[in-house]
PDB file of all heavy atoms in Angstrom:
ATOM      1  N   ILE A   1     -68.624 164.860  -0.478  1.00  0.00           N
ATOM      2  CA  ILE A   1     -68.415 166.027  -1.344  1.00  0.00           C
ATOM      3  C   ILE A   1     -67.573 165.638  -2.557  1.00  0.00           C
ATOM      4  O   ILE A   1     -67.875 166.022  -3.694  1.00  0.00           O
ATOM      5  CB  ILE A   1     -67.757 167.182  -0.555  1.00  0.00           C
ATOM      6  CG1 ILE A   1     -68.721 167.696   0.520  1.00  0.00           C
ATOM      7  CG2 ILE A   1     -67.337 168.309  -1.487  1.00  0.00           C
ATOM      8  CD1 ILE A   1     -68.084 168.619   1.537  1.00  0.00           C
ATOM      9  N   ALA A   2     -66.529 164.842  -2.327  1.00  0.00           N
ATOM     10  CA  ALA A   2     -65.678 164.391  -3.438  1.00  0.00           C
ATOM     11  C   ALA A   2     -66.477 163.539  -4.419  1.00  0.00           C
ATOM     12  O   ALA A   2     -66.339 163.683  -5.641  1.00  0.00           O
ATOM     13  CB  ALA A   2     -64.492 163.603  -2.891  1.00  0.00           C
ATOM     14  N   MET A   3     -67.327 162.653  -3.896  1.00  0.00           N
ATOM     15  CA  MET A   3     -68.149 161.799  -4.746  1.00  0.00           C
ATOM     16  C   MET A   3     -69.130 162.625  -5.565  1.00  0.00           C
ATOM     17  O   MET A   3     -69.280 162.425  -6.775  1.00  0.00           O
ATOM     18  CB  MET A   3     -68.927 160.800  -3.880  1.00  0.00           C
ATOM     19  CG  MET A   3     -68.055 159.777  -3.188  1.00  0.00           C
ATOM     20  SD  MET A   3     -68.930 158.924  -1.856  1.00  0.00           S
ATOM     21  CE  MET A   3     -70.240 158.119  -2.760  1.00  0.00           C
ATOM     22  N   ARG A   4     -69.792 163.563  -4.910  1.00  0.00           N
ATOM     23  CA  ARG A   4     -70.791 164.374  -5.603  1.00  0.00           C
ATOM     24  C   ARG A   4     -70.130 165.218  -6.693  1.00  0.00           C
ATOM     25  O   ARG A   4     -70.648 165.326  -7.809  1.00  0.00           O
ATOM     26  CB  ARG A   4     -71.531 165.270  -4.613  1.00  0.00           C
ATOM     27  CG  ARG A   4     -72.698 166.005  -5.244  1.00  0.00           C
ATOM     28  CD  ARG A   4     -73.446 166.871  -4.243  1.00  0.00           C
ATOM     29  NE  ARG A   4     -74.568 167.524  -4.885  1.00  0.00           N
ATOM     30  CZ  ARG A   4     -74.474 168.573  -5.703  1.00  0.00           C
ATOM     31  NH1 ARG A   4     -73.299 169.080  -5.990  1.00  0.00           N
ATOM     32  NH2 ARG A   4     -75.556 169.105  -6.258  1.00  0.00           N
ATOM     33  N   ASP A   5     -68.983 165.807  -6.386  1.00  0.00           N
ATOM     34  CA  ASP A   5     -68.301 166.630  -7.387  1.00  0.00           C
ATOM     35  C   ASP A   5     -67.811 165.792  -8.571  1.00  0.00           C
ATOM     36  O   ASP A   5     -67.762 166.286  -9.698  1.00  0.00           O
ATOM     37  CB  ASP A   5     -67.152 167.410  -6.752  1.00  0.00           C
ATOM     38  CG  ASP A   5     -67.641 168.648  -6.015  1.00  0.00           C
ATOM     39  OD1 ASP A   5     -68.870 168.828  -5.877  1.00  0.00           O
ATOM     40  OD2 ASP A   5     -66.796 169.432  -5.565  1.00  0.00           O
ATOM     41  N   ALA A   6     -67.452 164.536  -8.333  1.00  0.00           N
ATOM     42  CA  ALA A   6     -67.026 163.656  -9.431  1.00  0.00           C
ATOM     43  C   ALA A   6     -68.142 163.478 -10.453  1.00  0.00           C
ATOM     44  O   ALA A   6     -67.880 163.293 -11.647  1.00  0.00           O
ATOM     45  CB  ALA A   6     -66.585 162.304  -8.886  1.00  0.00           C
ATOM     46  N   ALA A   7     -69.380 163.553  -9.988  1.00  0.00           N
ATOM     47  CA  ALA A   7     -70.531 163.382 -10.881  1.00  0.00           C
ATOM     48  C   ALA A   7     -70.751 164.593 -11.786  1.00  0.00           C
ATOM     49  O   ALA A   7     -71.632 164.561 -12.647  1.00  0.00           O
ATOM     50  CB  ALA A   7     -71.786 163.104 -10.061  1.00  0.00           C
ATOM     51  N   PHE A   8     -69.962 165.638 -11.601  1.00  0.00           N
ATOM     52  CA  PHE A   8     -70.075 166.834 -12.433  1.00  0.00           C
ATOM     53  C   PHE A   8     -68.749 167.158 -13.129  1.00  0.00           C
ATOM     54  O   PHE A   8     -68.576 168.250 -13.660  1.00  0.00           O
ATOM     55  CB  PHE A   8     -70.525 168.029 -11.586  1.00  0.00           C
ATOM     56  CG  PHE A   8     -71.899 167.844 -11.018  1.00  0.00           C
ATOM     57  CD1 PHE A   8     -72.069 167.294  -9.759  1.00  0.00           C
ATOM     58  CD2 PHE A   8     -73.019 168.192 -11.759  1.00  0.00           C
ATOM     59  CE1 PHE A   8     -73.338 167.091  -9.232  1.00  0.00           C
ATOM     60  CE2 PHE A   8     -74.290 167.995 -11.244  1.00  0.00           C
ATOM     61  CZ  PHE A   8     -74.457 167.445  -9.982  1.00  0.00           C
ATOM     62  N   GLU A   9     -67.826 166.195 -13.101  1.00  0.00           N
ATOM     63  CA  GLU A   9     -66.491 166.390 -13.683  1.00  0.00           C
ATOM     64  C   GLU A   9     -66.573 166.382 -15.208  1.00  0.00           C
ATOM     65  O   GLU A   9     -66.914 165.377 -15.818  1.00  0.00           O
ATOM     66  CB  GLU A   9     -65.554 165.276 -13.199  1.00  0.00           C
ATOM     67  CG  GLU A   9     -64.166 165.299 -13.807  1.00  0.00           C
ATOM     68  CD  GLU A   9     -63.422 166.579 -13.536  1.00  0.00           C
ATOM     69  OE1 GLU A   9     -63.130 166.867 -12.366  1.00  0.00           O
ATOM     70  OE2 GLU A   9     -63.131 167.294 -14.512  1.00  0.00           O
ATOM     71  N   LEU A  10     -66.255 167.506 -15.814  1.00  0.00           N
ATOM     72  CA  LEU A  10     -66.367 167.636 -17.270  1.00  0.00           C
ATOM     73  C   LEU A  10     -65.051 167.383 -18.000  1.00  0.00           C
ATOM     74  O   LEU A  10     -65.039 167.208 -19.213  1.00  0.00           O
ATOM     75  CB  LEU A  10     -66.861 169.041 -17.636  1.00  0.00           C
ATOM     76  CG  LEU A  10     -68.200 169.478 -17.040  1.00  0.00           C
ATOM     77  CD1 LEU A  10     -68.522 170.906 -17.466  1.00  0.00           C
ATOM     78  CD2 LEU A  10     -69.316 168.531 -17.430  1.00  0.00           C
ATOM     79  N   ASP A  11     -63.943 167.358 -17.274  1.00  0.00           N
ATOM     80  CA  ASP A  11     -62.634 167.380 -17.923  1.00  0.00           C
ATOM     81  C   ASP A  11     -61.889 166.055 -17.979  1.00  0.00           C
ATOM     82  O   ASP A  11     -60.871 165.964 -18.643  1.00  0.00           O
ATOM     83  CB  ASP A  11     -61.734 168.411 -17.230  1.00  0.00           C
ATOM     84  CG  ASP A  11     -62.310 169.813 -17.311  1.00  0.00           C
ATOM     85  OD1 ASP A  11     -62.911 170.131 -18.356  1.00  0.00           O
ATOM     86  OD2 ASP A  11     -62.191 170.558 -16.330  1.00  0.00           O
ATOM     87  N   LYS A  12     -62.367 165.027 -17.289  1.00  0.00           N
ATOM     88  CA  LYS A  12     -61.632 163.758 -17.299  1.00  0.00           C
ATOM     89  C   LYS A  12     -62.115 162.885 -18.458  1.00  0.00           C
ATOM     90  O   LYS A  12     -63.089 162.147 -18.349  1.00  0.00           O
ATOM     91  CB  LYS A  12     -61.779 163.040 -15.964  1.00  0.00           C
ATOM     92  CG  LYS A  12     -61.035 163.763 -14.851  1.00  0.00           C
ATOM     93  CD  LYS A  12     -60.756 162.880 -13.675  1.00  0.00           C
ATOM     94  CE  LYS A  12     -59.905 163.623 -12.671  1.00  0.00           C
ATOM     95  NZ  LYS A  12     -59.423 162.792 -11.595  1.00  0.00           N
ATOM     96  N   HIS A  13     -61.420 163.017 -19.595  1.00  0.00           N
ATOM     97  CA  HIS A  13     -61.777 162.272 -20.797  1.00  0.00           C
ATOM     98  C   HIS A  13     -60.813 161.094 -20.970  1.00  0.00           C
ATOM     99  O   HIS A  13     -59.612 161.231 -20.756  1.00  0.00           O
ATOM    100  CB  HIS A  13     -61.719 163.180 -22.016  1.00  0.00           C
ATOM    101  CG  HIS A  13     -62.567 164.410 -21.885  1.00  0.00           C
ATOM    102  ND1 HIS A  13     -63.942 164.357 -21.842  1.00  0.00           N
ATOM    103  CD2 HIS A  13     -62.230 165.713 -21.746  1.00  0.00           C
ATOM    104  CE1 HIS A  13     -64.425 165.586 -21.721  1.00  0.00           C
ATOM    105  NE2 HIS A  13     -63.400 166.427 -21.645  1.00  0.00           N
ATOM    106  N   SER A  14     -61.326 159.962 -21.367  1.00  0.00           N
ATOM    107  CA  SER A  14     -60.525 158.756 -21.542  1.00  0.00           C
ATOM    108  C   SER A  14     -59.776 158.791 -22.865  1.00  0.00           C
ATOM    109  O   SER A  14     -60.372 159.064 -23.911  1.00  0.00           O
ATOM    110  CB  SER A  14     -61.444 157.539 -21.497  1.00  0.00           C
ATOM    111  OG  SER A  14     -60.758 156.382 -21.917  1.00  0.00           O
ATOM    112  N   GLY A  15     -58.486 158.493 -22.813  1.00  0.00           N
ATOM    113  CA  GLY A  15     -57.711 158.390 -24.050  1.00  0.00           C
ATOM    114  C   GLY A  15     -58.299 157.361 -25.005  1.00  0.00           C
ATOM    115  O   GLY A  15     -58.635 157.675 -26.148  1.00  0.00           O
ATOM    116  N   PRO A  16     -58.489 156.130 -24.561  1.00  0.00           N
ATOM    117  CA  PRO A  16     -59.026 155.107 -25.472  1.00  0.00           C
ATOM    118  C   PRO A  16     -60.503 155.284 -25.821  1.00  0.00           C
ATOM    119  O   PRO A  16     -60.936 154.868 -26.899  1.00  0.00           O
ATOM    120  CB  PRO A  16     -58.834 153.801 -24.699  1.00  0.00           C
ATOM    121  CG  PRO A  16     -57.855 154.097 -23.625  1.00  0.00           C
ATOM    122  CD  PRO A  16     -57.990 155.553 -23.320  1.00  0.00           C
ATOM    123  N   TYR A  17     -61.303 155.885 -24.924  1.00  0.00           N
ATOM    124  CA  TYR A  17     -62.757 155.898 -25.124  1.00  0.00           C
ATOM    125  C   TYR A  17     -63.353 157.292 -25.339  1.00  0.00           C
ATOM    126  O   TYR A  17     -64.557 157.457 -25.303  1.00  0.00           O
ATOM    127  CB  TYR A  17     -63.443 155.206 -23.941  1.00  0.00           C
ATOM    128  CG  TYR A  17     -62.973 153.780 -23.785  1.00  0.00           C
ATOM    129  CD1 TYR A  17     -62.215 153.399 -22.683  1.00  0.00           C
ATOM    130  CD2 TYR A  17     -63.258 152.826 -24.753  1.00  0.00           C
ATOM    131  CE1 TYR A  17     -61.754 152.102 -22.548  1.00  0.00           C
ATOM    132  CE2 TYR A  17     -62.803 151.526 -24.622  1.00  0.00           C
ATOM    133  CZ  TYR A  17     -62.047 151.160 -23.524  1.00  0.00           C
ATOM    134  OH  TYR A  17     -61.599 149.875 -23.398  1.00  0.00           O
ATOM    135  N   GLY A  18     -62.508 158.280 -25.536  1.00  0.00           N
ATOM    136  CA  GLY A  18     -62.973 159.601 -25.919  1.00  0.00           C
ATOM    137  C   GLY A  18     -63.567 160.432 -24.797  1.00  0.00           C
ATOM    138  O   GLY A  18     -63.429 160.119 -23.619  1.00  0.00           O
ATOM    139  N   GLU A  19     -64.240 161.516 -25.204  1.00  0.00           N
ATOM    140  CA  GLU A  19     -64.777 162.455 -24.227  1.00  0.00           C
ATOM    141  C   GLU A  19     -65.834 161.786 -23.350  1.00  0.00           C
ATOM    142  O   GLU A  19     -66.511 160.858 -23.773  1.00  0.00           O
ATOM    143  CB  GLU A  19     -65.337 163.696 -24.911  1.00  0.00           C
ATOM    144  CG  GLU A  19     -66.511 163.463 -25.820  1.00  0.00           C
ATOM    145  CD  GLU A  19     -67.003 164.753 -26.456  1.00  0.00           C
ATOM    146  OE1 GLU A  19     -67.605 165.576 -25.736  1.00  0.00           O
ATOM    147  OE2 GLU A  19     -66.775 164.930 -27.665  1.00  0.00           O
ATOM    148  N   ASN A  20     -65.945 162.302 -22.139  1.00  0.00           N
ATOM    149  CA  ASN A  20     -66.840 161.644 -21.179  1.00  0.00           C
ATOM    150  C   ASN A  20     -68.314 161.931 -21.434  1.00  0.00           C
ATOM    151  O   ASN A  20     -69.173 161.196 -20.975  1.00  0.00           O
ATOM    152  CB  ASN A  20     -66.452 161.973 -19.732  1.00  0.00           C
ATOM    153  CG  ASN A  20     -66.583 163.444 -19.374  1.00  0.00           C
ATOM    154  OD1 ASN A  20     -67.319 164.197 -19.996  1.00  0.00           O
ATOM    155  ND2 ASN A  20     -65.845 163.860 -18.349  1.00  0.00           N
ATOM    156  N   GLY A  21     -68.641 163.000 -22.131  1.00  0.00           N
ATOM    157  CA  GLY A  21     -70.038 163.304 -22.424  1.00  0.00           C
ATOM    158  C   GLY A  21     -70.839 163.774 -21.225  1.00  0.00           C
ATOM    159  O   GLY A  21     -72.071 163.820 -21.261  1.00  0.00           O
ATOM    160  N   MET A  22     -70.145 164.143 -20.166  1.00  0.00           N
ATOM    161  CA  MET A  22     -70.835 164.488 -18.922  1.00  0.00           C
ATOM    162  C   MET A  22     -71.739 165.711 -19.063  1.00  0.00           C
ATOM    163  O   MET A  22     -72.806 165.769 -18.447  1.00  0.00           O
ATOM    164  CB  MET A  22     -69.815 164.706 -17.798  1.00  0.00           C
ATOM    165  CG  MET A  22     -70.431 164.951 -16.443  1.00  0.00           C
ATOM    166  SD  MET A  22     -71.498 163.603 -15.868  1.00  0.00           S
ATOM    167  CE  MET A  22     -70.266 162.400 -15.407  1.00  0.00           C
ATOM    168  N   GLU A  23     -71.338 166.688 -19.874  1.00  0.00           N
ATOM    169  CA  GLU A  23     -72.186 167.869 -20.007  1.00  0.00           C
ATOM    170  C   GLU A  23     -73.550 167.497 -20.591  1.00  0.00           C
ATOM    171  O   GLU A  23     -74.582 168.055 -20.202  1.00  0.00           O
ATOM    172  CB  GLU A  23     -71.500 168.960 -20.852  1.00  0.00           C
ATOM    173  CG  GLU A  23     -71.287 168.607 -22.303  1.00  0.00           C
ATOM    174  CD  GLU A  23     -70.000 167.833 -22.581  1.00  0.00           C
ATOM    175  OE1 GLU A  23     -69.411 167.259 -21.642  1.00  0.00           O
ATOM    176  OE2 GLU A  23     -69.590 167.801 -23.749  1.00  0.00           O
ATOM    177  N   TYR A  24     -73.577 166.525 -21.506  1.00  0.00           N
ATOM    178  CA  TYR A  24     -74.857 166.064 -22.065  1.00  0.00           C
ATOM    179  C   TYR A  24     -75.648 165.273 -21.031  1.00  0.00           C
ATOM    180  O   TYR A  24     -76.866 165.427 -20.912  1.00  0.00           O
ATOM    181  CB  TYR A  24     -74.619 165.184 -23.298  1.00  0.00           C
ATOM    182  CG  TYR A  24     -73.896 165.887 -24.404  1.00  0.00           C
ATOM    183  CD1 TYR A  24     -72.544 165.641 -24.632  1.00  0.00           C
ATOM    184  CD2 TYR A  24     -74.554 166.800 -25.226  1.00  0.00           C
ATOM    185  CE1 TYR A  24     -71.866 166.285 -25.646  1.00  0.00           C
ATOM    186  CE2 TYR A  24     -73.883 167.454 -26.244  1.00  0.00           C
ATOM    187  CZ  TYR A  24     -72.536 167.190 -26.456  1.00  0.00           C
ATOM    188  OH  TYR A  24     -71.872 167.834 -27.457  1.00  0.00           O
ATOM    189  N   TYR A  25     -74.932 164.439 -20.296  1.00  0.00           N
ATOM    190  CA  TYR A  25     -75.596 163.617 -19.270  1.00  0.00           C
ATOM    191  C   TYR A  25     -76.254 164.501 -18.212  1.00  0.00           C
ATOM    192  O   TYR A  25     -77.386 164.257 -17.800  1.00  0.00           O
ATOM    193  CB  TYR A  25     -74.592 162.667 -18.628  1.00  0.00           C
ATOM    194  CG  TYR A  25     -75.194 161.794 -17.561  1.00  0.00           C
ATOM    195  CD1 TYR A  25     -75.960 160.687 -17.900  1.00  0.00           C
ATOM    196  CD2 TYR A  25     -75.014 162.093 -16.212  1.00  0.00           C
ATOM    197  CE1 TYR A  25     -76.527 159.887 -16.917  1.00  0.00           C
ATOM    198  CE2 TYR A  25     -75.579 161.306 -15.235  1.00  0.00           C
ATOM    199  CZ  TYR A  25     -76.332 160.200 -15.586  1.00  0.00           C
ATOM    200  OH  TYR A  25     -76.906 159.424 -14.623  1.00  0.00           O
ATOM    201  N   ILE A  26     -75.550 165.531 -17.780  1.00  0.00           N
ATOM    202  CA  ILE A  26     -76.104 166.436 -16.766  1.00  0.00           C
ATOM    203  C   ILE A  26     -77.338 167.158 -17.308  1.00  0.00           C
ATOM    204  O   ILE A  26     -78.336 167.323 -16.606  1.00  0.00           O
ATOM    205  CB  ILE A  26     -75.025 167.440 -16.297  1.00  0.00           C
ATOM    206  CG1 ILE A  26     -73.929 166.711 -15.505  1.00  0.00           C
ATOM    207  CG2 ILE A  26     -75.645 168.557 -15.460  1.00  0.00           C
ATOM    208  CD1 ILE A  26     -72.689 167.547 -15.243  1.00  0.00           C
ATOM    209  N   GLU A  27     -77.282 167.547 -18.568  1.00  0.00           N
ATOM    210  CA  GLU A  27     -78.388 168.294 -19.162  1.00  0.00           C
ATOM    211  C   GLU A  27     -79.570 167.406 -19.548  1.00  0.00           C
ATOM    212  O   GLU A  27     -80.731 167.765 -19.335  1.00  0.00           O
ATOM    213  CB  GLU A  27     -77.902 169.037 -20.403  1.00  0.00           C
ATOM    214  CG  GLU A  27     -78.972 169.855 -21.099  1.00  0.00           C
ATOM    215  CD  GLU A  27     -78.469 170.512 -22.378  1.00  0.00           C
ATOM    216  OE1 GLU A  27     -77.237 170.609 -22.557  1.00  0.00           O
ATOM    217  OE2 GLU A  27     -79.313 170.919 -23.187  1.00  0.00           O
ATOM    218  N   MET A  28     -79.291 166.207 -20.106  1.00  0.00           N
ATOM    219  CA  MET A  28     -80.353 165.384 -20.696  1.00  0.00           C
ATOM    220  C   MET A  28     -80.575 164.038 -20.007  1.00  0.00           C
ATOM    221  O   MET A  28     -81.412 163.257 -20.432  1.00  0.00           O
ATOM    222  CB  MET A  28     -80.037 165.123 -22.170  1.00  0.00           C
ATOM    223  CG  MET A  28     -79.825 166.375 -22.987  1.00  0.00           C
ATOM    224  SD  MET A  28     -79.565 166.057 -24.760  1.00  0.00           S
ATOM    225  CE  MET A  28     -78.134 164.998 -24.774  1.00  0.00           C
TER     226      MET A  28
END
């Protein structure tokens, strides 16, 4: 469950590498 939920995490953005882009990945 923890692993699966990590694949939908929208809020953990990297300081050095910017936003995670997960919302786009999930959609597209």
